[in-house]
N, C-alpha and C. Protein backbone atom coordinates (compact mmCIF):
# COMPACT_ATOMS: atom_id res chain seq x y z
N MET A 1 99.23 113.89 114.06
CA MET A 1 98.59 114.05 112.67
C MET A 1 98.82 114.68 112.24
N LYS A 2 97.89 116.28 113.03
CA LYS A 2 98.46 117.57 112.67
C LYS A 2 99.89 118.23 112.63
N LYS A 3 100.69 117.56 113.48
CA LYS A 3 101.67 118.48 113.46
C LYS A 3 102.84 117.78 112.55
N THR A 4 102.55 116.81 111.92
CA THR A 4 102.83 115.84 110.65
C THR A 4 102.31 116.76 109.51
N LEU A 5 101.37 117.03 109.43
CA LEU A 5 101.10 117.68 108.22
C LEU A 5 101.19 119.32 108.13
N THR A 6 101.60 119.78 109.20
CA THR A 6 102.32 121.23 109.60
C THR A 6 103.60 121.14 109.32
N LEU A 7 104.30 120.13 110.11
CA LEU A 7 105.78 119.65 108.88
C LEU A 7 106.04 119.74 107.79
N ALA A 8 105.28 119.05 107.16
CA ALA A 8 105.25 118.53 105.40
C ALA A 8 105.06 119.91 104.76
N ALA A 9 104.48 120.62 105.24
CA ALA A 9 103.63 122.31 104.55
C ALA A 9 105.03 123.18 104.94
N ILE A 10 105.44 122.69 105.89
CA ILE A 10 107.01 123.55 105.72
C ILE A 10 108.09 123.59 105.10
N LEU A 11 108.23 121.99 105.03
CA LEU A 11 109.16 121.38 104.37
C LEU A 11 108.99 121.93 102.68
N ALA A 12 107.71 121.63 102.50
CA ALA A 12 107.01 121.83 101.03
C ALA A 12 107.45 123.14 100.75
N LEU A 13 107.01 124.30 101.22
CA LEU A 13 106.78 125.45 101.28
C LEU A 13 109.09 125.97 100.80
N PHE A 14 109.70 125.33 101.84
CA PHE A 14 111.05 125.42 101.41
C PHE A 14 111.66 124.61 100.95
N GLY A 15 111.26 123.84 99.83
CA GLY A 15 111.93 123.06 98.57
C GLY A 15 111.85 121.72 98.90
N CYS A 16 112.12 121.67 99.91
CA CYS A 16 112.80 120.14 100.46
C CYS A 16 111.90 119.56 101.17
N THR A 17 112.28 117.94 101.61
CA THR A 17 111.07 117.14 102.58
C THR A 17 112.33 116.53 103.26
N GLY A 18 111.66 116.34 104.55
CA GLY A 18 112.55 116.05 105.11
C GLY A 18 111.69 114.92 106.72
N ARG A 19 112.68 113.78 107.05
CA ARG A 19 111.80 112.72 107.82
C ARG A 19 112.17 113.04 108.75
N ALA A 20 111.38 113.00 110.65
CA ALA A 20 112.25 113.54 111.31
C ALA A 20 112.52 112.28 112.08
N TYR A 21 113.16 111.74 112.86
CA TYR A 21 112.79 110.38 113.61
C TYR A 21 112.93 110.90 115.07
N SER A 22 112.01 110.91 116.09
CA SER A 22 111.88 111.66 117.28
C SER A 22 111.78 112.87 117.09
N GLN A 23 112.61 113.97 117.48
CA GLN A 23 111.61 115.38 117.64
C GLN A 23 112.68 115.82 117.26
N LEU A 24 113.68 115.35 116.46
CA LEU A 24 114.28 116.53 115.77
C LEU A 24 113.58 116.87 114.35
N THR A 25 114.12 118.00 114.03
CA THR A 25 113.46 118.60 112.68
C THR A 25 114.34 119.19 112.07
N MET A 26 114.39 119.09 110.30
CA MET A 26 115.71 120.02 109.98
C MET A 26 115.04 120.35 108.99
N ILE A 27 115.26 122.02 108.53
CA ILE A 27 114.17 122.69 107.82
C ILE A 27 115.51 123.53 107.00
N ASP A 28 115.83 123.30 105.55
CA ASP A 28 116.71 124.13 104.88
C ASP A 28 116.40 125.25 104.35
N LEU A 29 116.90 126.81 104.58
CA LEU A 29 116.56 127.61 104.58
C LEU A 29 116.66 128.88 103.58
N LYS A 30 117.36 127.96 102.67
CA LYS A 30 117.40 128.11 101.06
C LYS A 30 118.77 129.53 101.02
N THR A 31 119.68 129.74 100.95
CA THR A 31 120.67 130.63 101.18
C THR A 31 121.22 130.47 99.50
N THR A 32 121.42 131.92 98.91
CA THR A 32 122.36 132.51 97.68
C THR A 32 123.71 132.50 98.22
N ALA A 33 124.48 132.43 99.40
CA ALA A 33 125.89 132.49 100.19
C ALA A 33 126.71 131.35 99.45
N LEU A 34 128.25 131.98 99.07
CA LEU A 34 129.20 131.10 99.12
C LEU A 34 130.11 131.38 99.88
N ASP A 35 130.88 130.26 100.36
CA ASP A 35 131.70 130.39 101.53
C ASP A 35 133.16 130.94 100.57
N ALA A 36 134.05 130.87 101.36
CA ALA A 36 135.83 131.77 100.76
C ALA A 36 135.88 130.32 100.09
N ASN A 37 135.82 129.61 99.29
CA ASN A 37 136.25 129.03 98.26
C ASN A 37 135.02 129.12 97.26
N GLY A 38 134.03 129.34 97.23
CA GLY A 38 133.18 129.84 96.23
C GLY A 38 131.92 128.66 96.56
N LYS A 39 131.78 127.58 97.03
CA LYS A 39 131.20 126.33 96.92
C LYS A 39 129.47 127.43 97.84
N PRO A 40 128.73 126.51 97.22
CA PRO A 40 127.68 127.30 98.03
C PRO A 40 127.43 126.64 99.03
N GLU A 41 126.54 127.73 100.26
CA GLU A 41 126.26 127.25 101.84
C GLU A 41 124.99 126.70 101.86
N LEU A 42 124.86 126.11 102.69
CA LEU A 42 123.24 125.03 103.10
C LEU A 42 123.51 125.94 104.64
N HIS A 43 122.27 126.35 104.54
CA HIS A 43 121.60 127.05 105.84
C HIS A 43 120.76 125.88 106.25
N LEU A 44 120.82 125.38 107.48
CA LEU A 44 119.78 124.40 108.20
C LEU A 44 119.20 125.33 109.40
N LEU A 45 118.15 124.77 109.36
CA LEU A 45 117.48 125.40 111.03
C LEU A 45 116.93 123.92 111.78
N LEU A 46 117.69 123.83 112.76
CA LEU A 46 117.28 122.71 113.67
C LEU A 46 116.54 122.91 114.56
N THR A 47 115.40 122.19 114.83
CA THR A 47 114.43 122.31 115.92
C THR A 47 114.28 120.96 116.43
N GLY A 48 114.00 121.27 118.21
CA GLY A 48 113.54 119.91 118.58
C GLY A 48 114.53 119.23 118.91
N ILE A 49 116.04 120.04 119.17
CA ILE A 49 117.33 119.54 120.17
C ILE A 49 116.90 119.10 121.74
N LYS A 50 117.10 117.88 121.78
CA LYS A 50 116.52 117.35 123.09
C LYS A 50 117.46 117.70 124.56
N GLY A 51 118.39 118.01 124.23
CA GLY A 51 119.53 118.66 125.18
C GLY A 51 120.75 118.50 124.54
N PRO A 52 122.13 119.21 125.44
CA PRO A 52 123.38 119.34 125.43
C PRO A 52 123.78 118.06 124.33
N THR A 53 124.85 118.61 123.22
CA THR A 53 124.99 118.08 121.96
C THR A 53 126.54 117.75 122.47
N THR A 54 127.32 116.92 122.11
CA THR A 54 128.50 116.61 121.81
C THR A 54 129.32 116.76 120.47
N SER A 55 128.47 116.01 119.10
CA SER A 55 129.07 116.21 117.98
C SER A 55 127.37 116.28 116.92
N LEU A 56 128.46 116.22 115.25
CA LEU A 56 127.47 116.61 114.74
C LEU A 56 127.78 116.00 113.35
N ARG A 57 127.25 115.11 113.01
CA ARG A 57 127.94 114.67 111.60
C ARG A 57 126.75 114.85 110.31
N ILE A 58 127.23 115.07 109.35
CA ILE A 58 126.47 115.68 108.03
C ILE A 58 126.67 114.87 107.00
N LYS A 59 126.13 113.95 106.59
CA LYS A 59 126.64 113.34 105.47
C LYS A 59 125.31 113.40 104.42
N THR A 60 126.27 113.62 102.83
CA THR A 60 125.71 113.60 101.69
C THR A 60 126.17 112.33 100.79
N ASP A 61 125.43 112.67 99.47
CA ASP A 61 125.16 111.71 98.40
C ASP A 61 127.16 111.56 98.11
N THR A 62 128.09 112.61 98.52
CA THR A 62 129.61 112.30 97.93
C THR A 62 130.52 112.49 99.22
N ALA A 63 129.73 113.13 100.66
CA ALA A 63 131.23 113.19 101.80
C ALA A 63 130.24 113.39 103.11
N THR A 64 131.19 112.76 103.87
CA THR A 64 130.81 112.88 105.60
C THR A 64 131.48 113.94 106.10
N TYR A 65 130.54 114.90 107.15
CA TYR A 65 131.79 115.98 107.90
C TYR A 65 131.25 115.49 109.14
N ASP A 66 132.40 115.27 109.96
CA ASP A 66 132.18 115.10 111.60
C ASP A 66 132.82 116.23 112.14
N PHE A 67 132.09 117.10 113.11
CA PHE A 67 132.12 117.99 114.10
C PHE A 67 131.52 118.02 115.64
N THR A 68 132.95 118.54 116.17
CA THR A 68 132.49 118.28 117.61
C THR A 68 131.84 119.68 117.71
N TRP A 69 130.35 119.24 118.49
CA TRP A 69 129.52 120.34 118.21
C TRP A 69 128.84 120.48 119.38
N SER A 70 129.12 121.26 120.34
CA SER A 70 128.10 121.77 121.85
C SER A 70 127.31 122.96 121.66
N SER A 71 125.79 122.19 122.26
CA SER A 71 124.49 123.51 122.07
C SER A 71 123.87 122.98 122.89
N LYS A 72 123.27 123.81 123.51
CA LYS A 72 122.39 123.66 124.98
C LYS A 72 121.60 124.37 124.67
N THR A 73 121.08 124.37 123.39
CA THR A 73 119.43 124.85 123.06
C THR A 73 118.81 124.11 122.25
N SER A 74 117.38 124.02 122.19
CA SER A 74 116.59 123.59 121.84
C SER A 74 116.26 123.65 119.82
N THR A 75 116.89 125.42 119.74
CA THR A 75 116.98 125.25 118.27
C THR A 75 118.27 125.88 117.58
N GLU A 76 118.39 125.30 116.74
CA GLU A 76 120.04 126.03 116.01
C GLU A 76 120.30 126.10 114.73
N ASP A 77 120.90 127.30 114.50
CA ASP A 77 121.14 127.57 112.66
C ASP A 77 122.29 126.88 112.42
N VAL A 78 122.31 125.98 111.42
CA VAL A 78 123.97 125.78 111.04
C VAL A 78 123.95 126.01 109.96
N TRP A 79 125.45 126.52 109.34
CA TRP A 79 125.57 127.17 108.11
C TRP A 79 126.92 126.14 107.74
N ILE A 80 126.76 125.39 106.35
CA ILE A 80 128.00 124.74 105.86
C ILE A 80 127.76 124.56 104.52
N ALA A 81 129.25 124.65 104.08
CA ALA A 81 129.47 124.12 102.55
C ALA A 81 129.65 123.10 102.26
N VAL A 82 128.89 122.61 101.51
CA VAL A 82 128.86 120.87 101.37
C VAL A 82 128.82 120.75 99.90
N GLY A 83 128.46 121.44 98.70
CA GLY A 83 128.83 121.29 97.68
C GLY A 83 127.29 120.54 97.11
N GLN A 84 127.60 120.10 96.10
CA GLN A 84 126.32 119.61 95.24
C GLN A 84 125.51 118.30 96.36
N TRP A 85 124.19 118.35 96.50
CA TRP A 85 124.08 117.09 96.94
C TRP A 85 122.57 116.59 96.56
N ASN A 86 122.18 115.49 96.50
CA ASN A 86 120.89 115.01 96.21
C ASN A 86 120.06 114.47 97.77
N SER A 87 120.84 114.31 98.92
CA SER A 87 120.25 113.82 99.96
C SER A 87 121.47 114.02 100.99
N LEU A 88 120.82 114.46 102.09
CA LEU A 88 121.93 115.13 103.53
C LEU A 88 120.82 114.14 104.51
N THR A 89 121.72 113.95 105.27
CA THR A 89 121.51 112.74 106.50
C THR A 89 122.57 113.62 107.90
N LEU A 90 121.81 114.26 108.71
CA LEU A 90 122.05 114.92 109.73
C LEU A 90 122.03 113.95 111.12
N GLN A 91 123.12 114.14 111.54
CA GLN A 91 122.72 113.11 113.21
C GLN A 91 123.84 113.86 114.20
N LEU A 92 122.76 113.90 115.34
CA LEU A 92 123.10 114.48 116.67
C LEU A 92 123.72 113.96 117.61
N THR A 93 124.66 114.19 118.09
CA THR A 93 125.04 113.40 119.12
C THR A 93 124.88 113.86 120.52
N TYR A 94 124.23 113.41 121.42
CA TYR A 94 124.02 113.98 122.84
C TYR A 94 124.81 113.59 123.94
N ALA A 95 125.14 114.36 125.15
CA ALA A 95 126.16 114.31 125.97
C ALA A 95 125.71 113.16 126.53
N ALA A 96 124.09 113.35 127.03
CA ALA A 96 123.67 111.88 127.49
C ALA A 96 124.16 110.43 127.08
N GLY A 97 124.51 110.55 125.93
CA GLY A 97 124.69 109.38 124.95
C GLY A 97 123.63 109.02 123.61
N GLY A 98 122.78 109.37 123.60
CA GLY A 98 121.76 108.96 122.48
C GLY A 98 122.10 110.07 121.37
N ARG A 99 121.21 109.65 120.37
CA ARG A 99 121.29 109.91 119.22
C ARG A 99 120.00 110.52 118.43
N ASP A 100 119.97 111.55 117.55
CA ASP A 100 118.86 111.86 116.73
C ASP A 100 119.03 111.87 115.09
N THR A 101 118.64 111.56 114.52
CA THR A 101 119.46 111.64 112.76
C THR A 101 117.71 112.25 112.19
N VAL A 102 118.41 113.01 111.13
CA VAL A 102 117.20 113.30 110.53
C VAL A 102 118.04 113.59 108.93
N THR A 103 116.71 112.98 107.84
CA THR A 103 117.23 113.24 106.75
C THR A 103 116.23 113.81 106.01
N MET A 104 116.60 114.59 104.47
CA MET A 104 116.68 115.53 103.81
C MET A 104 116.87 115.13 102.27
N ALA A 105 115.98 115.37 101.55
CA ALA A 105 116.26 114.97 100.13
C ALA A 105 116.08 116.44 99.24
N LYS A 106 116.32 116.64 98.05
CA LYS A 106 116.00 117.69 97.64
C LYS A 106 115.04 117.62 96.76
N VAL A 107 113.84 118.20 96.50
CA VAL A 107 112.78 118.35 95.63
C VAL A 107 113.05 119.16 94.65
N GLU A 108 113.05 118.76 93.43
CA GLU A 108 112.82 119.47 92.41
C GLU A 108 112.29 120.35 91.46
N THR A 109 111.66 121.67 91.37
CA THR A 109 110.41 122.03 91.18
C THR A 109 110.45 122.58 89.74
N LYS A 110 109.51 122.24 88.88
CA LYS A 110 109.76 122.66 87.28
C LYS A 110 109.02 124.36 87.46
N LYS A 111 109.87 124.90 86.34
CA LYS A 111 109.40 126.15 86.48
C LYS A 111 108.18 126.15 84.85
N GLN A 112 107.28 126.70 85.09
CA GLN A 112 106.23 126.46 84.27
C GLN A 112 106.33 127.71 83.07
């Protein structure tokens, strides 16, 4: 219970909500960087990666991006320009054949 509350507090701090399945978590690190085409970049911190990976899929409201992606660490930074989005689902495929999925939705904050 304490881990769930800590994760929720971290996600709220960064202006997003995430729901983790298994141990994989994703945090939007908020950046103002733009790619070469002027699209806003998304900087994600992935933690809880359980083993060597073979592919990464990022799906937003408007597009799906599939990558061959090899990682052997439990934590990774991912930078990608996905344009505007309201919900984002990230799926990792492991070399052993399993998958982990995490979904994040933007949280709009009102200025006072």
